């Protein structure tokens, strides 16, 4: 383990994150990742429903996904496939993917494994090349297949956490919940393991020519909205 990776492990563990797979193995698997897929409810928000609530998102998490994509682009010179896979139809999810130019939003998905198979075929992506950020039972059939799996913290799900650990369905469990910017934590961990966090942050702060080139490429993506029902 390099000193930088050891430092990351100490930092994220001290904050309350849990590595269920050795961090150097996560780092190794991330080298093959070409796609980032996120669940929505309970990941970008607390998943609360009702007339007075909205399963929205924060700018903190939005920036996290942007920096994550820029980090990948800086190393590879190409944009990673980025999508949201949600069981519900949510206007805020649509707003985020269209504003940030994700490749796709899959919504109203009752069987995530079925739409996941279609996603892999349509976009020619292997499961081992996907990093999946999720939080609950409906995500496990997909998490089981993916190369990197990050579970957003949900303190109420003690038995589920144990099940996920026993069946090796997660590589890292965040310290923060969906209501408290767990997506940003997951994004920063993956950027940190790519090893270019300081570089991409400086480029973004200065709005450099390199960042502008990335941003221009990102803005050309036309988001596909797919409803299963």
C-alpha atoms as a PDB file:
ATOM      1  CA  UNK A   1       0.000   0.000   0.000  1.00  0.00           C
ATOM      2  CA  UNK A   2       1.408   3.412  -0.958  1.00  0.00           C
ATOM      3  CA  UNK A   3       1.587   6.217   1.580  1.00  0.00           C
ATOM      4  CA  UNK A   4      -1.079   8.212  -0.270  1.00  0.00           C
ATOM      5  CA  UNK A   5      -3.524   5.290  -0.253  1.00  0.00           C
ATOM      6  CA  UNK A   6      -2.761   4.595   3.406  1.00  0.00           C
ATOM      7  CA  UNK A   7      -3.476   8.258   4.179  1.00  0.00           C
ATOM      8  CA  UNK A   8      -6.822   8.032   2.355  1.00  0.00           C
ATOM      9  CA  UNK A   9      -7.762   4.939   4.314  1.00  0.00           C
ATOM     10  CA  UNK A  10      -6.946   6.635   7.606  1.00  0.00           C
ATOM     11  CA  UNK A  11      -8.834   9.803   6.636  1.00  0.00           C
ATOM     12  CA  UNK A  12     -12.036   8.083   5.490  1.00  0.00           C
ATOM     13  CA  UNK A  13     -12.000   5.554   8.337  1.00  0.00           C
ATOM     14  CA  UNK A  14     -11.538   8.328  10.907  1.00  0.00           C
ATOM     15  CA  UNK A  15     -14.622  10.053   9.445  1.00  0.00           C
ATOM     16  CA  UNK A  16     -16.677   6.887   9.985  1.00  0.00           C
ATOM     17  CA  UNK A  17     -16.412   5.165   6.615  1.00  0.00           C
ATOM     18  CA  UNK A  18     -16.045   1.385   6.554  1.00  0.00           C
ATOM     19  CA  UNK A  19     -13.865  -0.473   4.066  1.00  0.00           C
ATOM     20  CA  UNK A  20     -15.328  -3.950   3.605  1.00  0.00           C
ATOM     21  CA  UNK A  21     -12.714  -4.664   0.941  1.00  0.00           C
ATOM     22  CA  UNK A  22      -9.051  -3.690   1.416  1.00  0.00           C
ATOM     23  CA  UNK A  23      -8.563  -0.210   0.005  1.00  0.00           C
ATOM     24  CA  UNK A  24      -5.724  -1.283  -2.278  1.00  0.00           C
ATOM     25  CA  UNK A  25      -8.104  -3.787  -3.927  1.00  0.00           C
ATOM     26  CA  UNK A  26     -10.677  -1.043  -4.482  1.00  0.00           C
ATOM     27  CA  UNK A  27      -7.928   1.114  -6.000  1.00  0.00           C
ATOM     28  CA  UNK A  28      -6.996  -1.742  -8.326  1.00  0.00           C
ATOM     29  CA  UNK A  29     -10.601  -2.366  -9.430  1.00  0.00           C
ATOM     30  CA  UNK A  30     -11.147   1.345 -10.102  1.00  0.00           C
ATOM     31  CA  UNK A  31      -8.480   1.235 -12.806  1.00  0.00           C
ATOM     32  CA  UNK A  32     -10.898  -0.803 -14.917  1.00  0.00           C
ATOM     33  CA  UNK A  33     -13.951   1.377 -14.234  1.00  0.00           C
ATOM     34  CA  UNK A  34     -15.362   3.204 -17.253  1.00  0.00           C
ATOM     35  CA  UNK A  35     -18.857   3.936 -15.928  1.00  0.00           C
ATOM     36  CA  UNK A  36     -20.479   5.417 -12.823  1.00  0.00           C
ATOM     37  CA  UNK A  37     -24.077   4.515 -11.996  1.00  0.00           C
ATOM     38  CA  UNK A  38     -26.028   5.937  -9.061  1.00  0.00           C
ATOM     39  CA  UNK A  39     -29.281   4.996  -7.407  1.00  0.00           C
ATOM     40  CA  UNK A  40     -31.423   8.047  -6.575  1.00  0.00           C
ATOM     41  CA  UNK A  41     -33.683   7.793  -3.502  1.00  0.00           C
ATOM     42  CA  UNK A  42     -31.651   7.408  -0.334  1.00  0.00           C
ATOM     43  CA  UNK A  43     -28.449   8.193  -2.258  1.00  0.00           C
ATOM     44  CA  UNK A  44     -28.806  11.814  -3.399  1.00  0.00           C
ATOM     45  CA  UNK A  45     -31.342  12.463  -0.617  1.00  0.00           C
ATOM     46  CA  UNK A  46     -33.041  10.827   2.370  1.00  0.00           C
ATOM     47  CA  UNK A  47     -35.636   9.100   0.188  1.00  0.00           C
ATOM     48  CA  UNK A  48     -38.529  10.708   2.047  1.00  0.00           C
ATOM     49  CA  UNK A  49     -41.888  10.758   0.250  1.00  0.00           C
ATOM     50  CA  UNK A  50     -45.099  12.708   0.768  1.00  0.00           C
ATOM     51  CA  UNK A  51     -46.821  15.948  -0.123  1.00  0.00           C
ATOM     52  CA  UNK A  52     -44.408  18.107   1.844  1.00  0.00           C
ATOM     53  CA  UNK A  53     -41.181  16.419   0.802  1.00  0.00           C
ATOM     54  CA  UNK A  54     -39.071  16.139  -2.300  1.00  0.00           C
ATOM     55  CA  UNK A  55     -36.421  13.577  -3.142  1.00  0.00           C
ATOM     56  CA  UNK A  56     -34.070  16.237  -4.440  1.00  0.00           C
ATOM     57  CA  UNK A  57     -30.321  16.745  -4.585  1.00  0.00           C
ATOM     58  CA  UNK A  58     -27.694  19.168  -3.319  1.00  0.00           C
ATOM     59  CA  UNK A  59     -25.129  21.201  -5.207  1.00  0.00           C
ATOM     60  CA  UNK A  60     -22.508  19.544  -2.989  1.00  0.00           C
ATOM     61  CA  UNK A  61     -23.316  16.132  -4.471  1.00  0.00           C
ATOM     62  CA  UNK A  62     -23.692  17.555  -7.964  1.00  0.00           C
ATOM     63  CA  UNK A  63     -20.186  19.020  -7.782  1.00  0.00           C
ATOM     64  CA  UNK A  64     -18.918  15.680  -6.505  1.00  0.00           C
ATOM     65  CA  UNK A  65     -20.178  13.858  -9.603  1.00  0.00           C
ATOM     66  CA  UNK A  66     -18.745  16.572 -11.847  1.00  0.00           C
ATOM     67  CA  UNK A  67     -15.301  16.372 -10.266  1.00  0.00           C
ATOM     68  CA  UNK A  68     -15.445  12.573 -10.478  1.00  0.00           C
ATOM     69  CA  UNK A  69     -16.130  12.705 -14.207  1.00  0.00           C
ATOM     70  CA  UNK A  70     -13.429  15.323 -14.716  1.00  0.00           C
ATOM     71  CA  UNK A  71     -10.972  13.167 -12.769  1.00  0.00           C
ATOM     72  CA  UNK A  72     -11.680  10.271 -15.140  1.00  0.00           C
ATOM     73  CA  UNK A  73     -11.505  12.507 -18.223  1.00  0.00           C
ATOM     74  CA  UNK A  74      -8.176  13.986 -17.077  1.00  0.00           C
ATOM     75  CA  UNK A  75      -6.639  10.503 -16.986  1.00  0.00           C
ATOM     76  CA  UNK A  76      -8.375   8.905 -19.969  1.00  0.00           C
ATOM     77  CA  UNK A  77      -9.158  11.800 -22.301  1.00  0.00           C
ATOM     78  CA  UNK A  78     -12.729  10.531 -22.556  1.00  0.00           C
ATOM     79  CA  UNK A  79     -15.931  10.901 -20.585  1.00  0.00           C
ATOM     80  CA  UNK A  80     -17.075   8.011 -18.399  1.00  0.00           C
ATOM     81  CA  UNK A  81     -20.582   6.722 -18.958  1.00  0.00           C
ATOM     82  CA  UNK A  82     -22.668   8.225 -16.128  1.00  0.00           C
ATOM     83  CA  UNK A  83     -26.273   7.390 -15.275  1.00  0.00           C
ATOM     84  CA  UNK A  84     -28.940   7.219 -12.600  1.00  0.00           C
ATOM     85  CA  UNK A  85     -30.943   4.030 -12.087  1.00  0.00           C
ATOM     86  CA  UNK A  86     -34.117   4.714 -10.097  1.00  0.00           C
ATOM     87  CA  UNK A  87     -37.225   2.795  -9.130  1.00  0.00           C
ATOM     88  CA  UNK A  88     -39.298   5.975  -9.176  1.00  0.00           C
ATOM     89  CA  UNK A  89     -39.994   8.884 -11.512  1.00  0.00           C
ATOM     90  CA  UNK A  90     -38.651  12.063  -9.953  1.00  0.00           C
ATOM     91  CA  UNK A  91     -38.485  15.538 -11.551  1.00  0.00           C
ATOM     92  CA  UNK A  92     -35.360  16.396  -9.563  1.00  0.00           C
ATOM     93  CA  UNK A  93     -33.509  13.372 -10.913  1.00  0.00           C
ATOM     94  CA  UNK A  94     -34.425  14.455 -14.445  1.00  0.00           C
ATOM     95  CA  UNK A  95     -33.297  17.993 -13.660  1.00  0.00           C
ATOM     96  CA  UNK A  96     -29.907  16.818 -12.442  1.00  0.00           C
ATOM     97  CA  UNK A  97     -29.125  14.450 -15.308  1.00  0.00           C
ATOM     98  CA  UNK A  98     -30.157  16.989 -17.954  1.00  0.00           C
ATOM     99  CA  UNK A  99     -28.364  19.914 -16.333  1.00  0.00           C
ATOM    100  CA  UNK A 100     -25.198  17.923 -15.702  1.00  0.00           C
ATOM    101  CA  UNK A 101     -25.422  16.019 -18.992  1.00  0.00           C
ATOM    102  CA  UNK A 102     -25.336  12.484 -17.633  1.00  0.00           C
ATOM    103  CA  UNK A 103     -25.663   9.894 -20.364  1.00  0.00           C
ATOM    104  CA  UNK A 104     -28.930   8.435 -19.108  1.00  0.00           C
ATOM    105  CA  UNK A 105     -31.686   8.304 -16.508  1.00  0.00           C
ATOM    106  CA  UNK A 106     -33.460   4.974 -16.095  1.00  0.00           C
ATOM    107  CA  UNK A 107     -36.621   5.578 -14.076  1.00  0.00           C
ATOM    108  CA  UNK A 108     -39.701   3.694 -12.850  1.00  0.00           C
ATOM    109  CA  UNK A 109     -37.533   0.579 -12.762  1.00  0.00           C
ATOM    110  CA  UNK A 110     -39.187  -2.262 -10.832  1.00  0.00           C
ATOM    111  CA  UNK A 111     -36.585  -4.919 -11.652  1.00  0.00           C
ATOM    112  CA  UNK A 112     -33.188  -3.251 -11.682  1.00  0.00           C
ATOM    113  CA  UNK A 113     -31.377  -6.390 -12.820  1.00  0.00           C
ATOM    114  CA  UNK A 114     -33.511  -6.477 -15.997  1.00  0.00           C
ATOM    115  CA  UNK A 115     -32.825  -2.862 -16.962  1.00  0.00           C
ATOM    116  CA  UNK A 116     -29.177  -3.326 -15.970  1.00  0.00           C
ATOM    117  CA  UNK A 117     -28.831  -6.123 -18.522  1.00  0.00           C
ATOM    118  CA  UNK A 118     -30.299  -3.831 -21.173  1.00  0.00           C
ATOM    119  CA  UNK A 119     -27.995  -0.995 -20.135  1.00  0.00           C
ATOM    120  CA  UNK A 120     -24.900  -3.168 -20.490  1.00  0.00           C
ATOM    121  CA  UNK A 121     -25.979  -4.322 -23.937  1.00  0.00           C
ATOM    122  CA  UNK A 122     -27.125  -0.944 -25.279  1.00  0.00           C
ATOM    123  CA  UNK A 123     -24.025   0.917 -24.110  1.00  0.00           C
ATOM    124  CA  UNK A 124     -21.547  -1.966 -24.503  1.00  0.00           C
ATOM    125  CA  UNK A 125     -20.369  -1.838 -20.891  1.00  0.00           C
ATOM    126  CA  UNK A 126     -19.225  -4.814 -18.855  1.00  0.00           C
ATOM    127  CA  UNK A 127     -20.428  -5.034 -15.254  1.00  0.00           C
ATOM    128  CA  UNK A 128     -16.858  -5.296 -13.962  1.00  0.00           C
ATOM    129  CA  UNK A 129     -16.198  -1.847 -15.450  1.00  0.00           C
ATOM    130  CA  UNK A 130     -19.020  -0.166 -13.490  1.00  0.00           C
ATOM    131  CA  UNK A 131     -18.817   1.626 -10.152  1.00  0.00           C
ATOM    132  CA  UNK A 132     -22.253   1.509  -8.514  1.00  0.00           C
ATOM    133  CA  UNK A 133     -23.391   3.795  -5.675  1.00  0.00           C
ATOM    134  CA  UNK A 134     -26.486   2.474  -3.896  1.00  0.00           C
ATOM    135  CA  UNK A 135     -28.271   2.133  -0.572  1.00  0.00           C
ATOM    136  CA  UNK A 136     -30.964  -0.547  -0.298  1.00  0.00           C
ATOM    137  CA  UNK A 137     -32.427  -3.959  -1.068  1.00  0.00           C
ATOM    138  CA  UNK A 138     -33.606  -3.199  -4.622  1.00  0.00           C
ATOM    139  CA  UNK A 139     -30.015  -2.423  -5.623  1.00  0.00           C
ATOM    140  CA  UNK A 140     -28.370  -5.655  -4.510  1.00  0.00           C
ATOM    141  CA  UNK A 141     -28.946  -7.666  -7.693  1.00  0.00           C
ATOM    142  CA  UNK A 142     -27.017  -4.960  -9.562  1.00  0.00           C
ATOM    143  CA  UNK A 143     -24.387  -4.426  -6.869  1.00  0.00           C
ATOM    144  CA  UNK A 144     -23.594  -8.146  -6.943  1.00  0.00           C
ATOM    145  CA  UNK A 145     -22.433  -7.789 -10.559  1.00  0.00           C
ATOM    146  CA  UNK A 146     -20.506  -4.511 -10.515  1.00  0.00           C
ATOM    147  CA  UNK A 147     -16.769  -4.003 -10.268  1.00  0.00           C
ATOM    148  CA  UNK A 148     -16.822  -1.347  -7.520  1.00  0.00           C
ATOM    149  CA  UNK A 149     -19.723  -1.072  -5.044  1.00  0.00           C
ATOM    150  CA  UNK A 150     -20.203   1.824  -2.623  1.00  0.00           C
ATOM    151  CA  UNK A 151     -23.114   1.636  -0.188  1.00  0.00           C
ATOM    152  CA  UNK A 152     -24.522   4.881   1.186  1.00  0.00           C
ATOM    153  CA  UNK A 153     -24.971   4.758   4.958  1.00  0.00           C
ATOM    154  CA  UNK A 154     -28.443   4.002   6.355  1.00  0.00           C
ATOM    155  CA  UNK A 155     -28.310   3.641  10.122  1.00  0.00           C
ATOM    156  CA  UNK A 156     -31.676   1.885  10.415  1.00  0.00           C
ATOM    157  CA  UNK A 157     -30.668  -1.101   8.289  1.00  0.00           C
ATOM    158  CA  UNK A 158     -28.566  -3.108  10.734  1.00  0.00           C
ATOM    159  CA  UNK A 159     -29.553  -6.534   9.407  1.00  0.00           C
ATOM    160  CA  UNK A 160     -29.201  -5.362   5.808  1.00  0.00           C
ATOM    161  CA  UNK A 161     -25.703  -4.040   6.539  1.00  0.00           C
ATOM    162  CA  UNK A 162     -24.801  -7.411   7.977  1.00  0.00           C
ATOM    163  CA  UNK A 163     -26.258  -9.224   4.965  1.00  0.00           C
ATOM    164  CA  UNK A 164     -24.332  -7.008   2.557  1.00  0.00           C
ATOM    165  CA  UNK A 165     -21.117  -7.656   4.447  1.00  0.00           C
ATOM    166  CA  UNK A 166     -21.645 -11.420   4.692  1.00  0.00           C
ATOM    167  CA  UNK A 167     -22.399 -11.698   0.982  1.00  0.00           C
ATOM    168  CA  UNK A 168     -19.611  -9.325  -0.157  1.00  0.00           C
ATOM    169  CA  UNK A 169     -21.993  -6.926  -1.918  1.00  0.00           C
ATOM    170  CA  UNK A 170     -20.183  -3.726  -0.965  1.00  0.00           C
ATOM    171  CA  UNK A 171     -16.575  -2.517  -1.008  1.00  0.00           C
ATOM    172  CA  UNK A 172     -17.041   0.657   1.043  1.00  0.00           C
ATOM    173  CA  UNK A 173     -19.841   1.980   3.258  1.00  0.00           C
ATOM    174  CA  UNK A 174     -19.949   5.744   3.566  1.00  0.00           C
ATOM    175  CA  UNK A 175     -19.766   7.659   6.822  1.00  0.00           C
ATOM    176  CA  UNK A 176     -22.471  10.020   5.560  1.00  0.00           C
ATOM    177  CA  UNK A 177     -26.056   9.250   4.620  1.00  0.00           C
ATOM    178  CA  UNK A 178     -27.882  10.298   1.462  1.00  0.00           C
ATOM    179  CA  UNK A 179     -29.353  13.210   3.395  1.00  0.00           C
ATOM    180  CA  UNK A 180     -25.854  14.383   4.305  1.00  0.00           C
ATOM    181  CA  UNK A 181     -23.952  14.241   1.033  1.00  0.00           C
ATOM    182  CA  UNK A 182     -22.911  10.617   0.919  1.00  0.00           C
ATOM    183  CA  UNK A 183     -22.550  10.953  -2.864  1.00  0.00           C
ATOM    184  CA  UNK A 184     -19.882  13.611  -2.404  1.00  0.00           C
ATOM    185  CA  UNK A 185     -18.023  11.324  -0.006  1.00  0.00           C
ATOM    186  CA  UNK A 186     -18.197   8.417  -2.460  1.00  0.00           C
ATOM    187  CA  UNK A 187     -17.054  10.661  -5.318  1.00  0.00           C
ATOM    188  CA  UNK A 188     -14.119  12.074  -3.380  1.00  0.00           C
ATOM    189  CA  UNK A 189     -12.983   8.607  -2.337  1.00  0.00           C
ATOM    190  CA  UNK A 190     -12.927   7.432  -5.954  1.00  0.00           C
ATOM    191  CA  UNK A 191     -11.107  10.580  -7.072  1.00  0.00           C
ATOM    192  CA  UNK A 192      -8.613  10.176  -4.250  1.00  0.00           C
ATOM    193  CA  UNK A 193      -7.917   6.587  -5.284  1.00  0.00           C
ATOM    194  CA  UNK A 194      -7.377   7.754  -8.856  1.00  0.00           C
ATOM    195  CA  UNK A 195      -4.631   9.951  -7.410  1.00  0.00           C
ATOM    196  CA  UNK A 196      -5.353  13.244  -9.152  1.00  0.00           C
ATOM    197  CA  UNK A 197      -7.577  15.127  -6.681  1.00  0.00           C
ATOM    198  CA  UNK A 198      -5.276  18.119  -6.158  1.00  0.00           C
ATOM    199  CA  UNK A 199      -4.633  18.419  -9.891  1.00  0.00           C
ATOM    200  CA  UNK A 200      -8.261  18.411 -10.963  1.00  0.00           C
ATOM    201  CA  UNK A 201      -9.240  20.744  -8.136  1.00  0.00           C
ATOM    202  CA  UNK A 202      -6.656  23.311  -9.240  1.00  0.00           C
ATOM    203  CA  UNK A 203      -7.849  23.015 -12.832  1.00  0.00           C
ATOM    204  CA  UNK A 204     -11.469  23.556 -11.767  1.00  0.00           C
ATOM    205  CA  UNK A 205     -10.637  26.458  -9.452  1.00  0.00           C
ATOM    206  CA  UNK A 206      -8.792  28.284 -12.227  1.00  0.00           C
ATOM    207  CA  UNK A 207     -11.330  27.245 -14.874  1.00  0.00           C
ATOM    208  CA  UNK A 208      -8.330  26.203 -16.938  1.00  0.00           C
ATOM    209  CA  UNK A 209      -8.244  25.430 -20.644  1.00  0.00           C
ATOM    210  CA  UNK A 210      -8.160  21.716 -19.775  1.00  0.00           C
ATOM    211  CA  UNK A 211     -11.263  21.996 -17.631  1.00  0.00           C
ATOM    212  CA  UNK A 212     -13.034  24.010 -20.336  1.00  0.00           C
ATOM    213  CA  UNK A 213     -12.217  21.289 -22.873  1.00  0.00           C
ATOM    214  CA  UNK A 214     -13.735  18.675 -20.554  1.00  0.00           C
ATOM    215  CA  UNK A 215     -16.775  20.854 -19.877  1.00  0.00           C
ATOM    216  CA  UNK A 216     -17.372  21.422 -23.578  1.00  0.00           C
ATOM    217  CA  UNK A 217     -17.294  17.662 -24.211  1.00  0.00           C
ATOM    218  CA  UNK A 218     -19.645  17.064 -21.280  1.00  0.00           C
ATOM    219  CA  UNK A 219     -22.161  19.632 -22.526  1.00  0.00           C
ATOM    220  CA  UNK A 220     -22.459  17.859 -25.873  1.00  0.00           C
ATOM    221  CA  UNK A 221     -23.950  14.757 -24.266  1.00  0.00           C
ATOM    222  CA  UNK A 222     -27.653  14.368 -24.984  1.00  0.00           C
ATOM    223  CA  UNK A 223     -29.215  12.653 -21.980  1.00  0.00           C
ATOM    224  CA  UNK A 224     -31.419   9.638 -22.663  1.00  0.00           C
ATOM    225  CA  UNK A 225     -34.497   9.337 -20.425  1.00  0.00           C
ATOM    226  CA  UNK A 226     -35.770   5.758 -20.236  1.00  0.00           C
ATOM    227  CA  UNK A 227     -38.997   4.842 -18.399  1.00  0.00           C
ATOM    228  CA  UNK A 228     -39.653   1.160 -17.788  1.00  0.00           C
ATOM    229  CA  UNK A 229     -43.386   1.533 -17.305  1.00  0.00           C
END
